[in-house]
């Protein structure tokens, strides 16, 4: 089974996450625990949910 870190889609998800963090760094301080956090967690979730499927 291939390592998921070699998958092109996972690499793109990591690029997206880095971009999201750069963009949200410019958000106002009042959004630190609101919209900023929610967007960052959603971006991390995309990469986190890419993994090999194991047969049962």
N, C-alpha and C. Protein backbone atom coordinates (compact mmCIF):
# COMPACT_ATOMS: atom_id res chain seq x y z
N UNK A 1 0.85 -1.18 0.00
CA UNK A 1 0.00 0.00 0.00
C UNK A 1 0.90 1.24 0.00
N UNK A 2 0.54 2.21 -0.83
CA UNK A 2 1.33 3.43 -0.93
C UNK A 2 1.15 4.32 0.30
N UNK A 3 2.17 5.06 0.61
CA UNK A 3 2.11 6.03 1.69
C UNK A 3 1.23 7.20 1.23
N UNK A 4 0.26 7.59 2.04
CA UNK A 4 -0.66 8.66 1.64
C UNK A 4 0.08 9.98 1.41
N UNK A 5 1.25 10.15 2.03
CA UNK A 5 2.01 11.39 1.85
C UNK A 5 2.57 11.52 0.43
N UNK A 6 2.56 10.43 -0.32
CA UNK A 6 3.00 10.46 -1.71
C UNK A 6 1.87 10.79 -2.67
N UNK A 7 0.65 10.82 -2.18
CA UNK A 7 -0.50 11.11 -3.04
C UNK A 7 -0.52 12.59 -3.40
N UNK A 8 -0.74 12.87 -4.68
CA UNK A 8 -0.79 14.25 -5.15
C UNK A 8 -1.91 15.04 -4.46
N UNK A 9 -3.03 14.41 -4.22
CA UNK A 9 -4.15 15.10 -3.58
C UNK A 9 -3.80 15.52 -2.15
N UNK A 10 -3.04 14.69 -1.44
CA UNK A 10 -2.62 15.04 -0.08
C UNK A 10 -1.66 16.23 -0.11
N UNK A 11 -0.74 16.21 -1.08
CA UNK A 11 0.21 17.33 -1.22
C UNK A 11 -0.53 18.63 -1.50
N UNK A 12 -1.55 18.56 -2.35
CA UNK A 12 -2.33 19.76 -2.65
C UNK A 12 -3.13 20.22 -1.43
N UNK A 13 -3.61 19.29 -0.64
CA UNK A 13 -4.34 19.65 0.58
C UNK A 13 -3.42 20.36 1.57
N UNK A 14 -2.17 19.94 1.65
CA UNK A 14 -1.20 20.60 2.52
C UNK A 14 -0.90 22.01 2.00
N UNK A 15 -0.76 22.15 0.69
CA UNK A 15 -0.56 23.48 0.10
C UNK A 15 -1.74 24.39 0.43
N UNK A 16 -2.94 23.85 0.31
CA UNK A 16 -4.15 24.62 0.62
C UNK A 16 -4.14 25.05 2.09
N UNK A 17 -3.78 24.15 2.97
CA UNK A 17 -3.74 24.46 4.40
C UNK A 17 -2.76 25.59 4.68
N UNK A 18 -1.58 25.53 4.08
CA UNK A 18 -0.59 26.59 4.27
C UNK A 18 -1.10 27.92 3.76
N UNK A 19 -1.76 27.90 2.61
CA UNK A 19 -2.33 29.13 2.04
C UNK A 19 -3.41 29.70 2.95
N UNK A 20 -4.28 28.84 3.45
CA UNK A 20 -5.35 29.28 4.35
C UNK A 20 -4.76 29.94 5.60
N UNK A 21 -3.72 29.35 6.16
CA UNK A 21 -3.09 29.94 7.35
C UNK A 21 -2.50 31.32 7.03
N UNK A 22 -1.88 31.47 5.84
CA UNK A 22 -1.33 32.78 5.46
C UNK A 22 -2.44 33.81 5.31
N UNK A 23 -3.53 33.42 4.68
CA UNK A 23 -4.65 34.34 4.46
C UNK A 23 -5.30 34.73 5.78
N UNK A 24 -5.54 33.76 6.63
CA UNK A 24 -6.25 34.05 7.88
C UNK A 24 -5.38 34.77 8.90
N UNK A 25 -4.07 34.79 8.70
CA UNK A 25 -3.20 35.56 9.60
C UNK A 25 -3.54 37.05 9.55
N UNK A 26 -4.12 37.49 8.44
CA UNK A 26 -4.48 38.90 8.29
C UNK A 26 -5.86 39.23 8.86
N UNK A 27 -6.56 38.24 9.37
CA UNK A 27 -7.88 38.48 9.96
C UNK A 27 -7.73 39.33 11.22
N UNK A 28 -8.77 40.08 11.56
CA UNK A 28 -8.72 40.89 12.79
C UNK A 28 -8.61 40.01 14.03
N UNK A 29 -8.03 40.58 15.07
CA UNK A 29 -7.85 39.84 16.34
C UNK A 29 -9.18 39.36 16.90
N UNK A 30 -10.25 40.08 16.63
CA UNK A 30 -11.56 39.69 17.15
C UNK A 30 -12.05 38.37 16.57
N UNK A 31 -11.46 37.94 15.46
CA UNK A 31 -11.86 36.69 14.81
C UNK A 31 -10.94 35.52 15.16
N UNK A 32 -9.98 35.74 16.06
CA UNK A 32 -8.99 34.71 16.39
C UNK A 32 -9.65 33.39 16.79
N UNK A 33 -10.68 33.46 17.61
CA UNK A 33 -11.34 32.23 18.09
C UNK A 33 -12.68 31.99 17.40
N UNK A 34 -12.97 32.76 16.38
CA UNK A 34 -14.23 32.61 15.66
C UNK A 34 -13.99 32.08 14.26
N UNK A 35 -14.21 32.97 13.30
CA UNK A 35 -14.12 32.58 11.90
C UNK A 35 -12.73 32.08 11.51
N UNK A 36 -11.69 32.75 11.99
CA UNK A 36 -10.31 32.35 11.66
C UNK A 36 -10.06 30.91 12.08
N UNK A 37 -10.39 30.58 13.30
CA UNK A 37 -10.18 29.23 13.82
C UNK A 37 -10.98 28.20 13.04
N UNK A 38 -12.22 28.54 12.73
CA UNK A 38 -13.08 27.60 12.02
C UNK A 38 -12.53 27.30 10.62
N UNK A 39 -12.09 28.33 9.92
CA UNK A 39 -11.54 28.14 8.57
C UNK A 39 -10.26 27.31 8.62
N UNK A 40 -9.40 27.60 9.59
CA UNK A 40 -8.15 26.85 9.71
C UNK A 40 -8.41 25.38 10.04
N UNK A 41 -9.34 25.12 10.93
CA UNK A 41 -9.66 23.73 11.28
C UNK A 41 -10.24 22.99 10.09
N UNK A 42 -11.05 23.66 9.29
CA UNK A 42 -11.62 23.03 8.10
C UNK A 42 -10.53 22.66 7.10
N UNK A 43 -9.56 23.54 6.93
CA UNK A 43 -8.45 23.26 6.00
C UNK A 43 -7.62 22.07 6.49
N UNK A 44 -7.34 22.02 7.77
CA UNK A 44 -6.58 20.90 8.34
C UNK A 44 -7.36 19.60 8.19
N UNK A 45 -8.66 19.68 8.32
CA UNK A 45 -9.52 18.51 8.22
C UNK A 45 -9.44 17.86 6.84
N UNK A 46 -9.32 18.67 5.81
CA UNK A 46 -9.23 18.13 4.45
C UNK A 46 -8.03 17.20 4.34
N UNK A 47 -6.86 17.69 4.75
CA UNK A 47 -5.65 16.87 4.66
C UNK A 47 -5.71 15.67 5.61
N UNK A 48 -6.30 15.88 6.77
CA UNK A 48 -6.38 14.81 7.78
C UNK A 48 -7.27 13.65 7.35
N UNK A 49 -8.21 13.94 6.48
CA UNK A 49 -9.15 12.90 6.06
C UNK A 49 -8.72 12.16 4.80
N UNK A 50 -7.52 12.44 4.33
CA UNK A 50 -6.99 11.70 3.18
C UNK A 50 -6.05 10.63 3.73
N UNK A 51 -6.46 9.41 3.64
CA UNK A 51 -5.66 8.30 4.14
C UNK A 51 -6.07 7.04 3.39
N UNK A 52 -5.22 6.04 3.40
CA UNK A 52 -5.55 4.81 2.69
C UNK A 52 -6.76 4.11 3.31
N UNK A 53 -7.55 3.53 2.46
CA UNK A 53 -8.72 2.78 2.92
C UNK A 53 -8.28 1.33 3.15
N UNK A 54 -8.55 0.83 4.31
CA UNK A 54 -8.19 -0.55 4.63
C UNK A 54 -9.43 -1.43 4.50
N UNK A 55 -9.25 -2.60 3.93
CA UNK A 55 -10.38 -3.51 3.80
C UNK A 55 -10.72 -4.11 5.17
N UNK A 56 -11.99 -4.37 5.37
CA UNK A 56 -12.45 -4.92 6.65
C UNK A 56 -12.32 -6.42 6.69
